[in-house]
Amino acid sequence: MIVDHFVRAALDEARERAVDPLGRRGLRLISGLGGGPISVRAAPGVGSARLRQGATGPVIEVDPAFLDAHVRRPADALHLLGHELLHRVRGDLCRFIAVDRAAWFLFNLALDIFVDAHLERLWFRGEGAPYQRRLYAADRFPDLLLLP
């Protein structure tokens, strides 16, 4: 299954990058899948990936079409899975409150920026993930803030 391959690729890449103390700390995070029961499952149609509260605990839902189109290297898999796990570790799932769609979009964008900055420190050291640079190109950033 594509999602199982995605998780394996992310774990393998985390092991490769665990050469410094921060990288080892990140490997412990991802190896324990956030320090609590959490599952990763295919969710066709969600568009990318998201952290949701399932019936038995947190769930990372990943769109197989998104994986197929954008996750081309193990580093992409590590970034995507690490991003969602850090939302869990930070407690971002509990921070979503009832707000209108525009406010939710900006709130989620701010949380994503914070989580991605942490990922840079753990594993990427300025390299980032290629899929992220394609999806969130710097010249598109102002347009993102203007979306309704």
N, C-alpha and C. Protein backbone atom coordinates (compact mmCIF):
# COMPACT_ATOMS: atom_id res chain seq x y z
N MET A 1 0.84 -1.19 0.00
CA MET A 1 0.00 0.00 0.00
C MET A 1 0.89 1.25 0.00
N ILE A 2 0.46 2.26 -0.69
CA ILE A 2 1.27 3.48 -0.85
C ILE A 2 1.51 4.19 0.49
N VAL A 3 0.54 4.16 1.41
CA VAL A 3 0.71 4.84 2.69
C VAL A 3 1.76 4.11 3.54
N ASP A 4 1.75 2.79 3.53
CA ASP A 4 2.77 2.04 4.27
C ASP A 4 4.17 2.35 3.74
N HIS A 5 4.31 2.42 2.44
CA HIS A 5 5.60 2.76 1.83
C HIS A 5 6.03 4.16 2.24
N PHE A 6 5.08 5.09 2.27
CA PHE A 6 5.33 6.47 2.69
C PHE A 6 5.88 6.52 4.12
N VAL A 7 5.25 5.80 5.05
CA VAL A 7 5.69 5.79 6.45
C VAL A 7 7.08 5.15 6.56
N ARG A 8 7.31 4.04 5.88
CA ARG A 8 8.63 3.39 5.90
C ARG A 8 9.72 4.31 5.36
N ALA A 9 9.42 5.01 4.26
CA ALA A 9 10.39 5.93 3.67
C ALA A 9 10.72 7.05 4.65
N ALA A 10 9.72 7.58 5.33
CA ALA A 10 9.95 8.65 6.31
C ALA A 10 10.82 8.16 7.46
N LEU A 11 10.55 6.97 7.98
CA LEU A 11 11.36 6.43 9.08
C LEU A 11 12.79 6.16 8.64
N ASP A 12 12.97 5.60 7.46
CA ASP A 12 14.32 5.34 6.95
C ASP A 12 15.10 6.64 6.79
N GLU A 13 14.46 7.67 6.27
CA GLU A 13 15.12 8.96 6.09
C GLU A 13 15.47 9.59 7.43
N ALA A 14 14.59 9.45 8.42
CA ALA A 14 14.88 9.98 9.75
C ALA A 14 16.11 9.30 10.35
N ARG A 15 16.23 7.99 10.14
CA ARG A 15 17.40 7.27 10.64
C ARG A 15 18.67 7.78 9.97
N GLU A 16 18.61 8.05 8.67
CA GLU A 16 19.78 8.57 7.94
C GLU A 16 20.21 9.94 8.45
N ARG A 17 19.23 10.73 8.87
CA ARG A 17 19.52 12.11 9.28
C ARG A 17 19.79 12.23 10.79
N ALA A 18 19.79 11.13 11.50
CA ALA A 18 19.95 11.17 12.95
C ALA A 18 21.43 11.16 13.35
N VAL A 19 22.25 11.94 12.67
CA VAL A 19 23.68 11.97 12.96
C VAL A 19 24.04 13.03 14.00
N ASP A 20 23.15 13.97 14.25
CA ASP A 20 23.43 14.96 15.28
C ASP A 20 22.35 14.87 16.36
N PRO A 21 22.57 15.50 17.51
CA PRO A 21 21.61 15.36 18.62
C PRO A 21 20.18 15.76 18.26
N LEU A 22 20.01 16.84 17.52
CA LEU A 22 18.65 17.23 17.15
C LEU A 22 18.01 16.19 16.23
N GLY A 23 18.79 15.68 15.30
CA GLY A 23 18.28 14.65 14.41
C GLY A 23 17.88 13.39 15.15
N ARG A 24 18.66 13.02 16.19
CA ARG A 24 18.31 11.85 16.99
C ARG A 24 17.02 12.09 17.77
N ARG A 25 16.87 13.31 18.28
CA ARG A 25 15.63 13.64 18.99
C ARG A 25 14.44 13.55 18.04
N GLY A 26 14.63 14.01 16.81
CA GLY A 26 13.57 13.91 15.82
C GLY A 26 13.25 12.47 15.47
N LEU A 27 14.27 11.62 15.42
CA LEU A 27 14.04 10.20 15.14
C LEU A 27 13.22 9.56 16.25
N ARG A 28 13.50 9.91 17.50
CA ARG A 28 12.69 9.37 18.59
C ARG A 28 11.24 9.81 18.45
N LEU A 29 11.04 11.06 18.06
CA LEU A 29 9.69 11.57 17.85
C LEU A 29 8.95 10.77 16.80
N ILE A 30 9.57 10.61 15.65
CA ILE A 30 8.88 9.96 14.54
C ILE A 30 8.78 8.45 14.74
N SER A 31 9.78 7.84 15.39
CA SER A 31 9.73 6.40 15.64
C SER A 31 8.60 6.05 16.59
N GLY A 32 8.34 6.93 17.56
CA GLY A 32 7.24 6.69 18.49
C GLY A 32 5.92 7.22 17.97
N LEU A 33 5.92 7.73 16.76
CA LEU A 33 4.73 8.36 16.17
C LEU A 33 4.06 9.31 17.16
N GLY A 34 4.86 10.25 17.66
CA GLY A 34 4.32 11.33 18.47
C GLY A 34 4.15 11.02 19.93
N GLY A 35 4.64 9.88 20.41
CA GLY A 35 4.59 9.59 21.83
C GLY A 35 3.25 9.06 22.31
N GLY A 36 2.38 8.70 21.44
CA GLY A 36 1.09 8.16 21.85
C GLY A 36 0.46 7.42 20.70
N PRO A 37 -0.65 6.77 20.98
CA PRO A 37 -1.28 6.01 19.90
C PRO A 37 -1.78 6.93 18.79
N ILE A 38 -1.24 6.74 17.63
CA ILE A 38 -1.64 7.53 16.46
C ILE A 38 -1.50 6.63 15.24
N SER A 39 -2.38 6.79 14.30
CA SER A 39 -2.31 5.95 13.11
C SER A 39 -2.22 6.82 11.86
N VAL A 40 -1.73 6.22 10.80
CA VAL A 40 -1.65 6.88 9.50
C VAL A 40 -2.51 6.06 8.56
N ARG A 41 -3.42 6.73 7.86
CA ARG A 41 -4.28 5.99 6.94
C ARG A 41 -4.52 6.78 5.67
N ALA A 42 -4.85 6.03 4.62
CA ALA A 42 -5.19 6.65 3.34
C ALA A 42 -6.55 7.33 3.46
N ALA A 43 -6.63 8.52 2.86
CA ALA A 43 -7.89 9.28 2.86
C ALA A 43 -8.03 9.96 1.51
N PRO A 44 -8.45 9.21 0.49
CA PRO A 44 -8.61 9.81 -0.83
C PRO A 44 -9.54 11.02 -0.78
N GLY A 45 -9.10 12.08 -1.47
CA GLY A 45 -9.94 13.28 -1.55
C GLY A 45 -9.64 14.36 -0.55
N VAL A 46 -8.76 14.12 0.45
CA VAL A 46 -8.48 15.18 1.43
C VAL A 46 -7.56 16.25 0.86
N GLY A 47 -6.92 15.97 -0.25
CA GLY A 47 -6.08 16.98 -0.91
C GLY A 47 -4.61 16.85 -0.60
N SER A 48 -4.24 16.66 0.65
CA SER A 48 -2.83 16.50 1.02
C SER A 48 -2.76 15.58 2.23
N ALA A 49 -2.48 16.15 3.39
CA ALA A 49 -2.45 15.39 4.64
C ALA A 49 -3.04 16.26 5.73
N ARG A 50 -3.59 15.60 6.74
CA ARG A 50 -4.15 16.37 7.85
C ARG A 50 -4.18 15.50 9.09
N LEU A 51 -4.15 16.17 10.22
CA LEU A 51 -4.27 15.53 11.52
C LEU A 51 -5.72 15.67 11.97
N ARG A 52 -6.33 14.56 12.30
CA ARG A 52 -7.74 14.56 12.71
C ARG A 52 -7.88 13.80 14.03
N GLN A 53 -8.96 14.05 14.71
CA GLN A 53 -9.27 13.26 15.90
C GLN A 53 -10.18 12.13 15.46
N GLY A 54 -9.69 10.90 15.55
CA GLY A 54 -10.47 9.73 15.19
C GLY A 54 -11.23 9.21 16.41
N ALA A 55 -12.00 8.15 16.21
CA ALA A 55 -12.80 7.58 17.29
C ALA A 55 -11.93 7.03 18.43
N THR A 56 -10.72 6.53 18.08
CA THR A 56 -9.87 5.92 19.10
C THR A 56 -8.58 6.71 19.34
N GLY A 57 -8.48 7.90 18.79
CA GLY A 57 -7.29 8.73 18.98
C GLY A 57 -6.94 9.49 17.72
N PRO A 58 -5.81 10.21 17.76
CA PRO A 58 -5.41 11.01 16.60
C PRO A 58 -5.09 10.14 15.39
N VAL A 59 -5.40 10.67 14.21
CA VAL A 59 -5.17 9.98 12.95
C VAL A 59 -4.54 10.97 11.98
N ILE A 60 -3.49 10.53 11.29
CA ILE A 60 -2.95 11.31 10.19
C ILE A 60 -3.56 10.72 8.93
N GLU A 61 -4.32 11.52 8.23
CA GLU A 61 -4.94 11.09 6.97
C GLU A 61 -4.12 11.66 5.82
N VAL A 62 -3.79 10.79 4.87
CA VAL A 62 -2.95 11.18 3.74
C VAL A 62 -3.65 10.78 2.45
N ASP A 63 -3.74 11.74 1.53
CA ASP A 63 -4.35 11.47 0.23
C ASP A 63 -3.33 10.74 -0.65
N PRO A 64 -3.62 9.49 -1.08
CA PRO A 64 -2.68 8.76 -1.93
C PRO A 64 -2.33 9.50 -3.22
N ALA A 65 -3.28 10.25 -3.77
CA ALA A 65 -3.00 11.01 -5.00
C ALA A 65 -1.96 12.10 -4.72
N PHE A 66 -2.01 12.72 -3.53
CA PHE A 66 -1.03 13.73 -3.15
C PHE A 66 0.36 13.08 -3.01
N LEU A 67 0.40 11.92 -2.36
CA LEU A 67 1.67 11.22 -2.23
C LEU A 67 2.26 10.89 -3.60
N ASP A 68 1.41 10.38 -4.48
CA ASP A 68 1.86 10.00 -5.81
C ASP A 68 2.39 11.20 -6.60
N ALA A 69 1.73 12.35 -6.46
CA ALA A 69 2.10 13.53 -7.23
C ALA A 69 3.27 14.31 -6.64
N HIS A 70 3.39 14.34 -5.31
CA HIS A 70 4.33 15.28 -4.70
C HIS A 70 5.42 14.66 -3.83
N VAL A 71 5.23 13.47 -3.32
CA VAL A 71 6.23 12.88 -2.44
C VAL A 71 7.11 11.98 -3.28
N ARG A 72 8.21 12.57 -3.76
CA ARG A 72 9.08 11.89 -4.73
C ARG A 72 10.35 11.33 -4.10
N ARG A 73 10.73 11.85 -2.95
CA ARG A 73 11.97 11.42 -2.29
C ARG A 73 11.65 11.05 -0.84
N PRO A 74 12.49 10.23 -0.22
CA PRO A 74 12.29 9.96 1.20
C PRO A 74 12.27 11.23 2.05
N ALA A 75 13.03 12.25 1.65
CA ALA A 75 13.02 13.51 2.41
C ALA A 75 11.64 14.16 2.39
N ASP A 76 10.93 14.03 1.28
CA ASP A 76 9.56 14.56 1.21
C ASP A 76 8.65 13.82 2.19
N ALA A 77 8.80 12.50 2.23
CA ALA A 77 7.99 11.68 3.14
C ALA A 77 8.28 12.05 4.59
N LEU A 78 9.56 12.21 4.92
CA LEU A 78 9.94 12.60 6.27
C LEU A 78 9.34 13.95 6.64
N HIS A 79 9.43 14.90 5.74
CA HIS A 79 8.90 16.23 6.02
C HIS A 79 7.40 16.18 6.23
N LEU A 80 6.68 15.49 5.38
CA LEU A 80 5.21 15.45 5.48
C LEU A 80 4.77 14.75 6.76
N LEU A 81 5.33 13.59 7.06
CA LEU A 81 4.94 12.87 8.26
C LEU A 81 5.39 13.62 9.52
N GLY A 82 6.62 14.14 9.50
CA GLY A 82 7.11 14.91 10.63
C GLY A 82 6.27 16.14 10.89
N HIS A 83 5.83 16.80 9.84
CA HIS A 83 4.98 17.99 9.95
C HIS A 83 3.70 17.65 10.71
N GLU A 84 3.03 16.59 10.31
CA GLU A 84 1.77 16.22 10.97
C GLU A 84 2.01 15.75 12.40
N LEU A 85 3.09 15.01 12.64
CA LEU A 85 3.40 14.57 14.00
C LEU A 85 3.70 15.74 14.92
N LEU A 86 4.40 16.74 14.41
CA LEU A 86 4.69 17.90 15.25
C LEU A 86 3.43 18.68 15.61
N HIS A 87 2.45 18.68 14.73
CA HIS A 87 1.16 19.28 15.11
C HIS A 87 0.58 18.53 16.31
N ARG A 88 0.74 17.22 16.32
CA ARG A 88 0.24 16.39 17.43
C ARG A 88 1.02 16.69 18.70
N VAL A 89 2.33 16.69 18.61
CA VAL A 89 3.17 16.90 19.78
C VAL A 89 2.92 18.29 20.38
N ARG A 90 2.76 19.28 19.54
CA ARG A 90 2.52 20.65 20.02
C ARG A 90 1.11 20.86 20.55
N GLY A 91 0.21 19.91 20.30
CA GLY A 91 -1.16 20.05 20.76
C GLY A 91 -2.01 20.91 19.84
N ASP A 92 -1.58 21.08 18.59
CA ASP A 92 -2.32 21.94 17.68
C ASP A 92 -3.72 21.43 17.38
N LEU A 93 -3.92 20.12 17.50
CA LEU A 93 -5.25 19.56 17.23
C LEU A 93 -6.27 20.13 18.20
N CYS A 94 -5.84 20.43 19.43
CA CYS A 94 -6.75 20.96 20.44
C CYS A 94 -6.95 22.46 20.32
N ARG A 95 -6.17 23.12 19.48
CA ARG A 95 -6.23 24.58 19.40
C ARG A 95 -7.26 25.07 18.39
N PHE A 96 -7.79 24.18 17.60
CA PHE A 96 -8.76 24.62 16.60
C PHE A 96 -10.07 24.96 17.29
N ILE A 97 -10.47 26.18 17.11
CA ILE A 97 -11.70 26.68 17.72
C ILE A 97 -12.66 27.07 16.61
N ALA A 98 -13.88 27.32 16.96
CA ALA A 98 -14.89 27.67 15.97
C ALA A 98 -14.62 29.10 15.46
N VAL A 99 -14.09 29.20 14.25
CA VAL A 99 -13.85 30.49 13.62
C VAL A 99 -14.31 30.39 12.17
N ASP A 100 -14.44 31.53 11.52
CA ASP A 100 -14.86 31.48 10.12
C ASP A 100 -13.73 30.92 9.26
N ARG A 101 -14.03 30.57 8.03
CA ARG A 101 -13.08 29.88 7.17
C ARG A 101 -11.80 30.70 6.91
N ALA A 102 -11.92 31.99 6.71
CA ALA A 102 -10.75 32.83 6.45
C ALA A 102 -9.84 32.87 7.68
N ALA A 103 -10.42 33.01 8.87
CA ALA A 103 -9.61 33.04 10.09
C ALA A 103 -8.96 31.68 10.33
N TRP A 104 -9.69 30.59 10.07
CA TRP A 104 -9.12 29.25 10.22
C TRP A 104 -7.93 29.08 9.28
N PHE A 105 -8.06 29.53 8.05
CA PHE A 105 -6.98 29.39 7.07
C PHE A 105 -5.72 30.09 7.56
N LEU A 106 -5.85 31.32 8.05
CA LEU A 106 -4.70 32.07 8.54
C LEU A 106 -4.10 31.43 9.79
N PHE A 107 -4.97 30.94 10.69
CA PHE A 107 -4.52 30.28 11.90
C PHE A 107 -3.72 29.02 11.55
N ASN A 108 -4.24 28.22 10.66
CA ASN A 108 -3.57 27.00 10.23
C ASN A 108 -2.25 27.32 9.54
N LEU A 109 -2.22 28.36 8.72
CA LEU A 109 -0.99 28.76 8.05
C LEU A 109 0.08 29.14 9.07
N ALA A 110 -0.30 29.88 10.11
CA ALA A 110 0.66 30.26 11.16
C ALA A 110 1.21 29.02 11.87
N LEU A 111 0.34 28.06 12.19
CA LEU A 111 0.80 26.83 12.84
C LEU A 111 1.73 26.05 11.92
N ASP A 112 1.42 26.00 10.63
CA ASP A 112 2.26 25.29 9.67
C ASP A 112 3.65 25.92 9.58
N ILE A 113 3.71 27.23 9.57
CA ILE A 113 5.00 27.92 9.49
C ILE A 113 5.85 27.58 10.72
N PHE A 114 5.22 27.57 11.89
CA PHE A 114 5.95 27.26 13.12
C PHE A 114 6.46 25.82 13.09
N VAL A 115 5.61 24.88 12.71
CA VAL A 115 5.99 23.46 12.67
C VAL A 115 7.10 23.25 11.65
N ASP A 116 7.00 23.87 10.48
CA ASP A 116 8.03 23.69 9.46
C ASP A 116 9.37 24.27 9.91
N ALA A 117 9.36 25.35 10.65
CA ALA A 117 10.61 25.91 11.18
C ALA A 117 11.26 24.92 12.14
N HIS A 118 10.46 24.24 12.94
CA HIS A 118 10.99 23.23 13.85
C HIS A 118 11.57 22.05 13.08
N LEU A 119 10.90 21.62 12.02
CA LEU A 119 11.41 20.54 11.18
C LEU A 119 12.76 20.90 10.58
N GLU A 120 12.91 22.15 10.16
CA GLU A 120 14.20 22.60 9.61
C GLU A 120 15.31 22.39 10.62
N ARG A 121 15.04 22.72 11.89
CA ARG A 121 16.06 22.54 12.93
C ARG A 121 16.34 21.07 13.19
N LEU A 122 15.31 20.22 13.15
CA LEU A 122 15.50 18.81 13.46
C LEU A 122 16.30 18.07 12.39
N TRP A 123 15.94 18.29 11.11
CA TRP A 123 16.49 17.43 10.08
C TRP A 123 17.04 18.13 8.84
N PHE A 124 16.46 19.24 8.44
CA PHE A 124 16.71 19.71 7.09
C PHE A 124 17.78 20.77 6.96
N ARG A 125 18.07 21.52 7.99
CA ARG A 125 19.18 22.48 8.00
C ARG A 125 19.23 23.37 6.77
N GLY A 126 18.09 23.97 6.42
CA GLY A 126 18.03 24.89 5.29
C GLY A 126 17.74 24.23 3.96
N GLU A 127 17.78 22.92 3.92
CA GLU A 127 17.54 22.20 2.67
C GLU A 127 16.04 22.18 2.33
N GLY A 128 15.20 22.03 3.35
CA GLY A 128 13.77 21.95 3.13
C GLY A 128 13.38 20.71 2.35
N ALA A 129 12.12 20.61 2.02
CA ALA A 129 11.62 19.49 1.23
C ALA A 129 11.24 20.02 -0.15
N PRO A 130 11.71 19.38 -1.21
CA PRO A 130 11.39 19.87 -2.56
C PRO A 130 9.90 20.03 -2.82
N TYR A 131 9.08 19.11 -2.34
CA TYR A 131 7.65 19.24 -2.61
C TYR A 131 7.10 20.50 -1.96
N GLN A 132 7.64 20.85 -0.79
CA GLN A 132 7.16 22.05 -0.12
C GLN A 132 7.53 23.30 -0.90
N ARG A 133 8.74 23.34 -1.47
CA ARG A 133 9.12 24.50 -2.27
C ARG A 133 8.25 24.62 -3.51
N ARG A 134 7.83 23.50 -4.09
CA ARG A 134 6.95 23.56 -5.27
C ARG A 134 5.55 24.04 -4.89
N LEU A 135 5.03 23.55 -3.76
CA LEU A 135 3.66 23.89 -3.37
C LEU A 135 3.55 25.27 -2.76
N TYR A 136 4.57 25.69 -2.01
CA TYR A 136 4.53 26.98 -1.32
C TYR A 136 5.64 27.88 -1.82
N ALA A 137 5.67 28.10 -3.11
CA ALA A 137 6.71 28.96 -3.69
C ALA A 137 6.62 30.36 -3.08
N ALA A 138 7.79 30.94 -2.85
CA ALA A 138 7.82 32.26 -2.20
C ALA A 138 7.04 33.31 -2.98
N ASP A 139 7.04 33.21 -4.30
CA ASP A 139 6.33 34.22 -5.09
C ASP A 139 4.81 34.04 -5.01
N ARG A 140 4.33 32.92 -4.43
CA ARG A 140 2.90 32.72 -4.26
C ARG A 140 2.43 33.11 -2.86
N PHE A 141 3.36 33.32 -1.95
CA PHE A 141 2.96 33.51 -0.55
C PHE A 141 1.95 34.64 -0.35
N PRO A 142 2.15 35.84 -0.93
CA PRO A 142 1.12 36.88 -0.71
C PRO A 142 -0.26 36.46 -1.21
N ASP A 143 -0.31 35.69 -2.30
CA ASP A 143 -1.61 35.23 -2.79
C ASP A 143 -2.29 34.33 -1.77
N LEU A 144 -1.52 33.52 -1.05
CA LEU A 144 -2.11 32.63 -0.06
C LEU A 144 -2.86 33.41 1.02
N LEU A 145 -2.33 34.56 1.39
CA LEU A 145 -2.96 35.36 2.45
C LEU A 145 -4.27 36.00 1.97
N LEU A 146 -4.44 36.09 0.66
CA LEU A 146 -5.63 36.75 0.14
C LEU A 146 -6.75 35.79 -0.20
N LEU A 147 -6.52 34.49 -0.05
CA LEU A 147 -7.57 33.52 -0.36
C LEU A 147 -8.72 33.66 0.63
N PRO A 148 -9.95 33.57 0.15
CA PRO A 148 -11.10 33.69 1.07
C PRO A 148 -11.25 32.46 1.94
